[in-house]
């Protein structure tokens, strides 16, 4: 047993030993193949768009011999008829899945149902809150490429304020002994306590000389309160901004990226780039989590 609580809502639900055990199990799956677990029914309830997260959870469930049931909030559901998100979720939970994987946009009533539901569940992203499984797969990728998290200098670049990926990442990486920084415009830098220890850089070019790991972020225009234009040239993952990044460093991005805005596509062929490795490792990490949780359900 990996030893974390019945549900994984936040990185705060984990301790460092839990994190290492999850990643060790993920590496075991990657090296030796997947273990068949009981034929649990896993409900994938996604109330926001997703490609990588939803598909990797579904792929992992199939690899483990589980039975995934995918629900997406689109025009084929009763949401089109006016049913609320929280009532939709309540009905899905009433069908008694063995495990729930849920993504939502920060809806308060959905969050309340999740806090009190009897079904074990995994947070697949909640608005501007957290995305714990992304932080775990990012950690696995860093360990795979650089051997360890402790002592790394990790910089999040771009729209940090609206990023649940960065919010979970700063909690996890600081727990494991890394130093975390942000390279972002002032208006994109979070003001809450989780970021109090973080270094601040005015540009990616400045941060790249310091960093051993550079994680770009998508500009989440759908979460911005205003429609004013946002600067991108100083925070884009491109050759100019990464000119001073060490040859032994790592370039990452959780996806989806917007070519020409978050990064130049030529970065994908840079030997330091691990973006597609992150996607691969997401299947193994999510399999490790689900294999443990259906054993507790």
C-alpha atoms as a PDB file:
ATOM      1  CA  UNK A   1       0.000   0.000   0.000  1.00  0.00           C
ATOM      2  CA  UNK A   2       1.300   3.420  -0.905  1.00  0.00           C
ATOM      3  CA  UNK A   3      -0.177   4.905   2.231  1.00  0.00           C
ATOM      4  CA  UNK A   4      -1.985   8.068   1.060  1.00  0.00           C
ATOM      5  CA  UNK A   5      -5.581   8.859   1.952  1.00  0.00           C
ATOM      6  CA  UNK A   6      -8.630   7.291   0.380  1.00  0.00           C
ATOM      7  CA  UNK A   7      -8.873  10.152  -2.127  1.00  0.00           C
ATOM      8  CA  UNK A   8      -6.187  12.219  -3.833  1.00  0.00           C
ATOM      9  CA  UNK A   9      -7.499  15.772  -4.032  1.00  0.00           C
ATOM     10  CA  UNK A  10      -4.273  17.674  -3.409  1.00  0.00           C
ATOM     11  CA  UNK A  11      -0.524  17.268  -3.175  1.00  0.00           C
ATOM     12  CA  UNK A  12      -1.100  18.155   0.472  1.00  0.00           C
ATOM     13  CA  UNK A  13      -2.701  14.707   0.851  1.00  0.00           C
ATOM     14  CA  UNK A  14       0.747  13.196   0.280  1.00  0.00           C
ATOM     15  CA  UNK A  15       3.966  12.916   2.227  1.00  0.00           C
ATOM     16  CA  UNK A  16       7.391  12.545   0.622  1.00  0.00           C
ATOM     17  CA  UNK A  17       7.467   8.783   1.201  1.00  0.00           C
ATOM     18  CA  UNK A  18       4.089   8.410  -0.547  1.00  0.00           C
ATOM     19  CA  UNK A  19       5.369  10.355  -3.536  1.00  0.00           C
ATOM     20  CA  UNK A  20       8.491   8.213  -3.863  1.00  0.00           C
ATOM     21  CA  UNK A  21       6.448   5.000  -3.638  1.00  0.00           C
ATOM     22  CA  UNK A  22       4.021   6.155  -6.330  1.00  0.00           C
ATOM     23  CA  UNK A  23       6.907   7.007  -8.644  1.00  0.00           C
ATOM     24  CA  UNK A  24       8.714   3.744  -7.849  1.00  0.00           C
ATOM     25  CA  UNK A  25       5.563   1.812  -8.779  1.00  0.00           C
ATOM     26  CA  UNK A  26       5.234   3.848 -11.982  1.00  0.00           C
ATOM     27  CA  UNK A  27       8.827   2.992 -12.927  1.00  0.00           C
ATOM     28  CA  UNK A  28       8.093  -0.658 -12.149  1.00  0.00           C
ATOM     29  CA  UNK A  29       5.137  -0.611 -14.549  1.00  0.00           C
ATOM     30  CA  UNK A  30       7.292   1.076 -17.189  1.00  0.00           C
ATOM     31  CA  UNK A  31      10.117  -1.447 -16.845  1.00  0.00           C
ATOM     32  CA  UNK A  32       8.265  -4.705 -16.213  1.00  0.00           C
ATOM     33  CA  UNK A  33       4.752  -4.198 -17.549  1.00  0.00           C
ATOM     34  CA  UNK A  34       1.389  -3.565 -15.938  1.00  0.00           C
ATOM     35  CA  UNK A  35      -0.071  -5.679 -13.161  1.00  0.00           C
ATOM     36  CA  UNK A  36      -3.656  -6.871 -13.605  1.00  0.00           C
ATOM     37  CA  UNK A  37      -5.824  -5.593 -10.758  1.00  0.00           C
ATOM     38  CA  UNK A  38      -9.425  -6.373  -9.932  1.00  0.00           C
ATOM     39  CA  UNK A  39     -11.998  -5.422 -12.566  1.00  0.00           C
ATOM     40  CA  UNK A  40     -13.013  -2.194 -10.874  1.00  0.00           C
ATOM     41  CA  UNK A  41     -15.276   0.273 -12.667  1.00  0.00           C
ATOM     42  CA  UNK A  42     -13.549   3.649 -12.958  1.00  0.00           C
ATOM     43  CA  UNK A  43     -15.722   6.648 -13.798  1.00  0.00           C
ATOM     44  CA  UNK A  44     -13.899   9.410 -15.668  1.00  0.00           C
ATOM     45  CA  UNK A  45     -16.068  12.508 -15.158  1.00  0.00           C
ATOM     46  CA  UNK A  46     -14.613  15.443 -17.070  1.00  0.00           C
ATOM     47  CA  UNK A  47     -16.512  18.739 -16.918  1.00  0.00           C
ATOM     48  CA  UNK A  48     -13.670  20.622 -18.646  1.00  0.00           C
ATOM     49  CA  UNK A  49     -11.882  19.745 -21.907  1.00  0.00           C
ATOM     50  CA  UNK A  50      -8.971  17.323 -21.717  1.00  0.00           C
ATOM     51  CA  UNK A  51      -6.804  15.290 -24.053  1.00  0.00           C
ATOM     52  CA  UNK A  52      -3.750  14.043 -22.156  1.00  0.00           C
ATOM     53  CA  UNK A  53      -5.189  13.632 -18.682  1.00  0.00           C
ATOM     54  CA  UNK A  54      -8.443  11.949 -19.627  1.00  0.00           C
ATOM     55  CA  UNK A  55      -6.888   9.674 -22.243  1.00  0.00           C
ATOM     56  CA  UNK A  56      -3.973   8.655 -20.020  1.00  0.00           C
ATOM     57  CA  UNK A  57      -6.305   7.734 -17.138  1.00  0.00           C
ATOM     58  CA  UNK A  58      -8.443   5.723 -19.559  1.00  0.00           C
ATOM     59  CA  UNK A  59      -5.386   4.057 -21.108  1.00  0.00           C
ATOM     60  CA  UNK A  60      -3.989   3.242 -17.657  1.00  0.00           C
ATOM     61  CA  UNK A  61      -7.292   1.727 -16.549  1.00  0.00           C
ATOM     62  CA  UNK A  62      -7.365  -0.553 -19.605  1.00  0.00           C
ATOM     63  CA  UNK A  63      -3.732  -1.561 -19.041  1.00  0.00           C
ATOM     64  CA  UNK A  64      -4.600  -2.595 -15.476  1.00  0.00           C
ATOM     65  CA  UNK A  65      -7.592  -4.650 -16.579  1.00  0.00           C
ATOM     66  CA  UNK A  66     -10.052  -2.186 -15.071  1.00  0.00           C
ATOM     67  CA  UNK A  67     -13.260  -0.995 -16.722  1.00  0.00           C
ATOM     68  CA  UNK A  68     -13.226   2.751 -17.477  1.00  0.00           C
ATOM     69  CA  UNK A  69     -16.481   4.598 -18.131  1.00  0.00           C
ATOM     70  CA  UNK A  70     -15.805   7.987 -19.716  1.00  0.00           C
ATOM     71  CA  UNK A  71     -18.191  10.913 -19.253  1.00  0.00           C
ATOM     72  CA  UNK A  72     -17.506  14.207 -21.014  1.00  0.00           C
ATOM     73  CA  UNK A  73     -19.669  17.284 -20.558  1.00  0.00           C
ATOM     74  CA  UNK A  74     -20.762  17.786 -24.155  1.00  0.00           C
ATOM     75  CA  UNK A  75     -23.936  18.191 -26.211  1.00  0.00           C
ATOM     76  CA  UNK A  76     -24.779  14.494 -25.978  1.00  0.00           C
ATOM     77  CA  UNK A  77     -25.515  14.696 -22.231  1.00  0.00           C
ATOM     78  CA  UNK A  78     -28.381  16.107 -20.178  1.00  0.00           C
ATOM     79  CA  UNK A  79     -26.297  19.190 -19.462  1.00  0.00           C
ATOM     80  CA  UNK A  80     -27.604  20.398 -22.825  1.00  0.00           C
ATOM     81  CA  UNK A  81     -31.118  20.223 -21.341  1.00  0.00           C
ATOM     82  CA  UNK A  82     -30.197  22.471 -18.433  1.00  0.00           C
ATOM     83  CA  UNK A  83     -29.125  19.985 -15.774  1.00  0.00           C
ATOM     84  CA  UNK A  84     -26.531  21.465 -13.404  1.00  0.00           C
ATOM     85  CA  UNK A  85     -22.989  20.153 -13.090  1.00  0.00           C
ATOM     86  CA  UNK A  86     -23.434  19.211  -9.441  1.00  0.00           C
ATOM     87  CA  UNK A  87     -26.666  17.296 -10.117  1.00  0.00           C
ATOM     88  CA  UNK A  88     -24.987  15.509 -13.018  1.00  0.00           C
ATOM     89  CA  UNK A  89     -22.122  14.474 -10.740  1.00  0.00           C
ATOM     90  CA  UNK A  90     -24.535  13.381  -8.011  1.00  0.00           C
ATOM     91  CA  UNK A  91     -26.313  11.125 -10.507  1.00  0.00           C
ATOM     92  CA  UNK A  92     -23.049   9.651 -11.763  1.00  0.00           C
ATOM     93  CA  UNK A  93     -21.981   8.874  -8.196  1.00  0.00           C
ATOM     94  CA  UNK A  94     -25.374   7.286  -7.522  1.00  0.00           C
ATOM     95  CA  UNK A  95     -24.378   4.627 -10.076  1.00  0.00           C
ATOM     96  CA  UNK A  96     -21.727   3.474  -7.546  1.00  0.00           C
ATOM     97  CA  UNK A  97     -18.437   3.366  -9.458  1.00  0.00           C
ATOM     98  CA  UNK A  98     -15.479   1.857  -7.614  1.00  0.00           C
ATOM     99  CA  UNK A  99     -13.319   4.909  -8.306  1.00  0.00           C
ATOM    100  CA  UNK A 100     -13.964   8.412  -9.625  1.00  0.00           C
ATOM    101  CA  UNK A 101     -11.534  10.543 -11.618  1.00  0.00           C
ATOM    102  CA  UNK A 102     -12.932  14.070 -11.866  1.00  0.00           C
ATOM    103  CA  UNK A 103     -12.007  17.333 -13.584  1.00  0.00           C
ATOM    104  CA  UNK A 104     -14.071  20.484 -13.115  1.00  0.00           C
ATOM    105  CA  UNK A 105     -13.679  24.217 -13.484  1.00  0.00           C
ATOM    106  CA  UNK A 106     -13.783  25.114  -9.801  1.00  0.00           C
ATOM    107  CA  UNK A 107     -17.573  24.861  -9.372  1.00  0.00           C
ATOM    108  CA  UNK A 108     -18.268  25.297  -5.635  1.00  0.00           C
ATOM    109  CA  UNK A 109     -21.147  22.809  -5.465  1.00  0.00           C
ATOM    110  CA  UNK A 110     -19.218  20.180  -7.408  1.00  0.00           C
ATOM    111  CA  UNK A 111     -16.300  20.656  -5.007  1.00  0.00           C
ATOM    112  CA  UNK A 112     -18.633  20.188  -2.035  1.00  0.00           C
ATOM    113  CA  UNK A 113     -19.968  16.904  -3.427  1.00  0.00           C
ATOM    114  CA  UNK A 114     -16.419  15.676  -3.915  1.00  0.00           C
ATOM    115  CA  UNK A 115     -15.468  16.617  -0.348  1.00  0.00           C
ATOM    116  CA  UNK A 116     -18.282  14.513   1.073  1.00  0.00           C
ATOM    117  CA  UNK A 117     -18.738  11.682  -1.437  1.00  0.00           C
ATOM    118  CA  UNK A 118     -18.287   8.078  -0.321  1.00  0.00           C
ATOM    119  CA  UNK A 119     -16.518   7.024  -3.526  1.00  0.00           C
ATOM    120  CA  UNK A 120     -12.719   7.220  -3.601  1.00  0.00           C
ATOM    121  CA  UNK A 121     -11.681   9.845  -6.134  1.00  0.00           C
ATOM    122  CA  UNK A 122      -8.706  11.431  -7.862  1.00  0.00           C
ATOM    123  CA  UNK A 123      -8.481  15.108  -8.751  1.00  0.00           C
ATOM    124  CA  UNK A 124      -7.779  15.436 -12.481  1.00  0.00           C
ATOM    125  CA  UNK A 125      -7.701  19.247 -12.286  1.00  0.00           C
ATOM    126  CA  UNK A 126      -9.991  21.684 -10.486  1.00  0.00           C
ATOM    127  CA  UNK A 127     -10.160  25.151 -11.985  1.00  0.00           C
ATOM    128  CA  UNK A 128      -7.232  27.211 -10.729  1.00  0.00           C
ATOM    129  CA  UNK A 129      -6.818  24.870  -7.775  1.00  0.00           C
ATOM    130  CA  UNK A 130      -4.610  21.811  -8.198  1.00  0.00           C
ATOM    131  CA  UNK A 131      -3.600  19.034 -10.576  1.00  0.00           C
ATOM    132  CA  UNK A 132      -1.712  16.568  -8.338  1.00  0.00           C
ATOM    133  CA  UNK A 133      -1.212  13.773 -10.859  1.00  0.00           C
ATOM    134  CA  UNK A 134       0.493  16.189 -13.271  1.00  0.00           C
ATOM    135  CA  UNK A 135       2.944  17.156 -10.532  1.00  0.00           C
ATOM    136  CA  UNK A 136       3.674  13.473  -9.905  1.00  0.00           C
ATOM    137  CA  UNK A 137       4.306  12.642 -13.566  1.00  0.00           C
ATOM    138  CA  UNK A 138       6.501  15.721 -13.874  1.00  0.00           C
ATOM    139  CA  UNK A 139       8.486  14.493 -10.870  1.00  0.00           C
ATOM    140  CA  UNK A 140       8.858  11.055 -12.462  1.00  0.00           C
ATOM    141  CA  UNK A 141      10.141  12.654 -15.678  1.00  0.00           C
ATOM    142  CA  UNK A 142      12.700  14.771 -13.835  1.00  0.00           C
ATOM    143  CA  UNK A 143      13.969  11.733 -11.904  1.00  0.00           C
ATOM    144  CA  UNK A 144      14.146   9.702 -15.114  1.00  0.00           C
ATOM    145  CA  UNK A 145      16.230  12.362 -16.865  1.00  0.00           C
ATOM    146  CA  UNK A 146      18.186  13.975 -13.991  1.00  0.00           C
ATOM    147  CA  UNK A 147      18.191  11.166 -11.365  1.00  0.00           C
ATOM    148  CA  UNK A 148      16.677  13.168  -8.498  1.00  0.00           C
ATOM    149  CA  UNK A 149      14.447  16.066  -7.469  1.00  0.00           C
ATOM    150  CA  UNK A 150      16.451  17.230  -4.456  1.00  0.00           C
ATOM    151  CA  UNK A 151      18.727  20.124  -5.349  1.00  0.00           C
ATOM    152  CA  UNK A 152      17.082  20.873  -8.696  1.00  0.00           C
ATOM    153  CA  UNK A 153      16.292  24.468  -9.604  1.00  0.00           C
ATOM    154  CA  UNK A 154      12.856  24.421 -11.243  1.00  0.00           C
ATOM    155  CA  UNK A 155      11.338  27.472 -12.919  1.00  0.00           C
ATOM    156  CA  UNK A 156       7.706  27.786 -14.009  1.00  0.00           C
ATOM    157  CA  UNK A 157       7.378  30.119 -16.977  1.00  0.00           C
ATOM    158  CA  UNK A 158       4.408  32.190 -18.138  1.00  0.00           C
ATOM    159  CA  UNK A 159       0.871  32.187 -16.769  1.00  0.00           C
ATOM    160  CA  UNK A 160       1.714  30.884 -13.285  1.00  0.00           C
ATOM    161  CA  UNK A 161      -1.212  32.660 -11.628  1.00  0.00           C
ATOM    162  CA  UNK A 162      -3.870  30.626 -13.438  1.00  0.00           C
ATOM    163  CA  UNK A 163      -1.980  27.323 -13.494  1.00  0.00           C
ATOM    164  CA  UNK A 164      -3.151  24.408 -11.358  1.00  0.00           C
ATOM    165  CA  UNK A 165      -0.131  22.515 -12.706  1.00  0.00           C
ATOM    166  CA  UNK A 166       2.244  25.034 -11.146  1.00  0.00           C
ATOM    167  CA  UNK A 167       0.224  25.201  -7.914  1.00  0.00           C
ATOM    168  CA  UNK A 168       0.565  21.451  -7.362  1.00  0.00           C
ATOM    169  CA  UNK A 169       4.147  21.466  -8.629  1.00  0.00           C
ATOM    170  CA  UNK A 170       5.466  24.054  -6.194  1.00  0.00           C
ATOM    171  CA  UNK A 171       4.021  22.104  -3.266  1.00  0.00           C
ATOM    172  CA  UNK A 172       5.457  18.782  -4.423  1.00  0.00           C
ATOM    173  CA  UNK A 173       8.895  19.965  -5.533  1.00  0.00           C
ATOM    174  CA  UNK A 174       9.567  21.982  -2.389  1.00  0.00           C
ATOM    175  CA  UNK A 175       8.494  18.945  -0.337  1.00  0.00           C
ATOM    176  CA  UNK A 176      11.137  16.905  -2.176  1.00  0.00           C
ATOM    177  CA  UNK A 177      13.947  19.424  -1.702  1.00  0.00           C
ATOM    178  CA  UNK A 178      13.956  21.396  -4.960  1.00  0.00           C
ATOM    179  CA  UNK A 179      14.128  25.173  -5.276  1.00  0.00           C
ATOM    180  CA  UNK A 180      11.247  26.654  -7.279  1.00  0.00           C
ATOM    181  CA  UNK A 181      11.140  29.961  -9.137  1.00  0.00           C
ATOM    182  CA  UNK A 182       8.766  31.789 -11.456  1.00  0.00           C
ATOM    183  CA  UNK A 183       9.502  33.718 -14.646  1.00  0.00           C
ATOM    184  CA  UNK A 184       6.376  35.721 -15.397  1.00  0.00           C
ATOM    185  CA  UNK A 185       4.948  39.220 -15.719  1.00  0.00           C
ATOM    186  CA  UNK A 186       4.016  40.734 -12.368  1.00  0.00           C
ATOM    187  CA  UNK A 187       0.299  40.292 -13.067  1.00  0.00           C
ATOM    188  CA  UNK A 188       0.828  36.537 -13.588  1.00  0.00           C
ATOM    189  CA  UNK A 189       2.684  35.914 -10.319  1.00  0.00           C
ATOM    190  CA  UNK A 190       0.586  34.394  -7.487  1.00  0.00           C
ATOM    191  CA  UNK A 191       0.478  36.320  -4.214  1.00  0.00           C
ATOM    192  CA  UNK A 192      -0.524  33.466  -1.876  1.00  0.00           C
ATOM    193  CA  UNK A 193       1.710  31.750   0.661  1.00  0.00           C
ATOM    194  CA  UNK A 194       2.573  28.702  -1.463  1.00  0.00           C
ATOM    195  CA  UNK A 195       4.803  30.944  -3.566  1.00  0.00           C
ATOM    196  CA  UNK A 196       6.400  32.905  -0.712  1.00  0.00           C
ATOM    197  CA  UNK A 197       9.781  31.158  -0.956  1.00  0.00           C
ATOM    198  CA  UNK A 198      10.011  31.263  -4.735  1.00  0.00           C
ATOM    199  CA  UNK A 199      12.587  33.287  -6.602  1.00  0.00           C
ATOM    200  CA  UNK A 200      11.228  35.731  -9.187  1.00  0.00           C
ATOM    201  CA  UNK A 201      12.666  36.371 -12.631  1.00  0.00           C
ATOM    202  CA  UNK A 202      11.519  39.087 -15.011  1.00  0.00           C
ATOM    203  CA  UNK A 203      12.115  36.980 -18.108  1.00  0.00           C
ATOM    204  CA  UNK A 204      12.813  33.431 -19.227  1.00  0.00           C
ATOM    205  CA  UNK A 205      16.215  34.466 -20.591  1.00  0.00           C
ATOM    206  CA  UNK A 206      17.203  35.604 -17.101  1.00  0.00           C
ATOM    207  CA  UNK A 207      15.811  32.469 -15.449  1.00  0.00           C
ATOM    208  CA  UNK A 208      17.373  30.027 -17.906  1.00  0.00           C
ATOM    209  CA  UNK A 209      20.888  30.657 -16.625  1.00  0.00           C
ATOM    210  CA  UNK A 210      19.717  29.677 -13.118  1.00  0.00           C
ATOM    211  CA  UNK A 211      17.396  26.758 -13.873  1.00  0.00           C
ATOM    212  CA  UNK A 212      18.077  23.036 -14.203  1.00  0.00           C
ATOM    213  CA  UNK A 213      14.429  22.419 -15.156  1.00  0.00           C
ATOM    214  CA  UNK A 214      12.317  24.842 -17.173  1.00  0.00           C
ATOM    215  CA  UNK A 215       8.533  24.190 -17.243  1.00  0.00           C
ATOM    216  CA  UNK A 216       6.544  26.299 -19.679  1.00  0.00           C
ATOM    217  CA  UNK A 217       2.835  26.937 -19.167  1.00  0.00           C
ATOM    218  CA  UNK A 218      -0.059  27.656 -21.509  1.00  0.00           C
ATOM    219  CA  UNK A 219      -1.531  31.157 -21.324  1.00  0.00           C
ATOM    220  CA  UNK A 220      -4.983  30.331 -19.932  1.00  0.00           C
ATOM    221  CA  UNK A 221      -6.945  33.085 -21.618  1.00  0.00           C
ATOM    222  CA  UNK A 222     -10.225  31.448 -20.582  1.00  0.00           C
ATOM    223  CA  UNK A 223      -9.379  32.190 -16.925  1.00  0.00           C
ATOM    224  CA  UNK A 224      -8.338  35.819 -17.399  1.00  0.00           C
ATOM    225  CA  UNK A 225     -10.842  38.353 -16.086  1.00  0.00           C
ATOM    226  CA  UNK A 226     -10.009  40.909 -18.768  1.00  0.00           C
ATOM    227  CA  UNK A 227      -9.314  40.706 -22.480  1.00  0.00           C
ATOM    228  CA  UNK A 228      -6.208  42.870 -22.641  1.00  0.00           C
ATOM    229  CA  UNK A 229      -3.302  41.533 -24.641  1.00  0.00           C
ATOM    230  CA  UNK A 230      -0.655  39.543 -22.795  1.00  0.00           C
ATOM    231  CA  UNK A 231       3.101  39.640 -23.470  1.00  0.00           C
ATOM    232  CA  UNK A 232       4.577  36.387 -24.702  1.00  0.00           C
ATOM    233  CA  UNK A 233       7.924  37.127 -26.313  1.00  0.00           C
ATOM    234  CA  UNK A 234       9.906  37.146 -23.044  1.00  0.00           C
ATOM    235  CA  UNK A 235       8.363  33.892 -21.758  1.00  0.00           C
ATOM    236  CA  UNK A 236       8.168  31.721 -24.864  1.00  0.00           C
ATOM    237  CA  UNK A 237      10.232  28.519 -24.920  1.00  0.00           C
ATOM    238  CA  UNK A 238      12.448  29.297 -27.892  1.00  0.00           C
ATOM    239  CA  UNK A 239      16.126  29.334 -28.808  1.00  0.00           C
ATOM    240  CA  UNK A 240      16.623  32.982 -27.928  1.00  0.00           C
ATOM    241  CA  UNK A 241      15.137  32.739 -24.440  1.00  0.00           C
ATOM    242  CA  UNK A 242      16.817  29.388 -23.719  1.00  0.00           C
ATOM    243  CA  UNK A 243      20.237  30.341 -25.076  1.00  0.00           C
ATOM    244  CA  UNK A 244      21.789  30.297 -21.588  1.00  0.00           C
ATOM    245  CA  UNK A 245      20.066  27.126 -20.385  1.00  0.00           C
ATOM    246  CA  UNK A 246      22.559  24.404 -19.492  1.00  0.00           C
ATOM    247  CA  UNK A 247      23.059  21.549 -21.953  1.00  0.00           C
ATOM    248  CA  UNK A 248      22.241  19.183 -19.071  1.00  0.00           C
ATOM    249  CA  UNK A 249      18.981  20.938 -18.179  1.00  0.00           C
ATOM    250  CA  UNK A 250      15.429  19.832 -18.936  1.00  0.00           C
ATOM    251  CA  UNK A 251      12.664  21.558 -20.905  1.00  0.00           C
ATOM    252  CA  UNK A 252       9.073  20.609 -20.057  1.00  0.00           C
ATOM    253  CA  UNK A 253       5.487  21.695 -20.677  1.00  0.00           C
ATOM    254  CA  UNK A 254       2.292  19.991 -19.428  1.00  0.00           C
ATOM    255  CA  UNK A 255       0.429  20.614 -22.673  1.00  0.00           C
ATOM    256  CA  UNK A 256      -1.473  21.576 -24.545  1.00  0.00           C
ATOM    257  CA  UNK A 257       0.925  24.171 -25.882  1.00  0.00           C
ATOM    258  CA  UNK A 258       0.065  26.865 -28.381  1.00  0.00           C
ATOM    259  CA  UNK A 259       2.789  26.891 -31.028  1.00  0.00           C
ATOM    260  CA  UNK A 260       4.363  30.313 -31.432  1.00  0.00           C
ATOM    261  CA  UNK A 261       2.899  31.507 -28.151  1.00  0.00           C
ATOM    262  CA  UNK A 262       4.023  29.133 -25.384  1.00  0.00           C
ATOM    263  CA  UNK A 263       6.875  27.649 -27.391  1.00  0.00           C
ATOM    264  CA  UNK A 264       8.401  27.333 -30.818  1.00  0.00           C
ATOM    265  CA  UNK A 265       7.873  23.857 -32.228  1.00  0.00           C
ATOM    266  CA  UNK A 266      11.578  23.527 -32.967  1.00  0.00           C
ATOM    267  CA  UNK A 267      12.065  23.069 -29.212  1.00  0.00           C
ATOM    268  CA  UNK A 268      10.428  19.634 -29.525  1.00  0.00           C
ATOM    269  CA  UNK A 269      13.557  18.375 -31.314  1.00  0.00           C
ATOM    270  CA  UNK A 270      15.913  19.788 -28.663  1.00  0.00           C
ATOM    271  CA  UNK A 271      17.561  16.847 -26.816  1.00  0.00           C
ATOM    272  CA  UNK A 272      16.766  18.579 -23.514  1.00  0.00           C
ATOM    273  CA  UNK A 273      13.031  18.518 -24.284  1.00  0.00           C
ATOM    274  CA  UNK A 274      10.965  15.968 -22.328  1.00  0.00           C
ATOM    275  CA  UNK A 275       7.449  17.095 -23.287  1.00  0.00           C
ATOM    276  CA  UNK A 276       6.396  13.834 -24.920  1.00  0.00           C
ATOM    277  CA  UNK A 277       8.155  11.838 -22.180  1.00  0.00           C
ATOM    278  CA  UNK A 278       5.850  13.581 -19.704  1.00  0.00           C
ATOM    279  CA  UNK A 279       2.834  12.293 -21.614  1.00  0.00           C
ATOM    280  CA  UNK A 280       4.203   8.745 -21.663  1.00  0.00           C
ATOM    281  CA  UNK A 281       4.967   8.833 -17.944  1.00  0.00           C
ATOM    282  CA  UNK A 282       1.476  10.107 -17.196  1.00  0.00           C
ATOM    283  CA  UNK A 283       0.035   6.698 -18.051  1.00  0.00           C
ATOM    284  CA  UNK A 284       2.391   4.924 -15.634  1.00  0.00           C
ATOM    285  CA  UNK A 285       1.894   7.375 -12.759  1.00  0.00           C
ATOM    286  CA  UNK A 286      -1.893   7.335 -13.081  1.00  0.00           C
ATOM    287  CA  UNK A 287      -1.841   3.543 -13.270  1.00  0.00           C
ATOM    288  CA  UNK A 288       0.190   3.422 -10.043  1.00  0.00           C
ATOM    289  CA  UNK A 289      -2.344   5.661  -8.286  1.00  0.00           C
ATOM    290  CA  UNK A 290      -5.418   3.804  -9.526  1.00  0.00           C
ATOM    291  CA  UNK A 291      -3.948   0.365  -8.777  1.00  0.00           C
ATOM    292  CA  UNK A 292      -3.454   1.440  -5.182  1.00  0.00           C
ATOM    293  CA  UNK A 293      -6.801   3.140  -4.794  1.00  0.00           C
ATOM    294  CA  UNK A 294      -8.981   0.324  -6.107  1.00  0.00           C
ATOM    295  CA  UNK A 295      -7.302  -1.876  -3.524  1.00  0.00           C
ATOM    296  CA  UNK A 296      -8.694   0.446  -0.865  1.00  0.00           C
ATOM    297  CA  UNK A 297     -12.104   1.140  -2.404  1.00  0.00           C
END
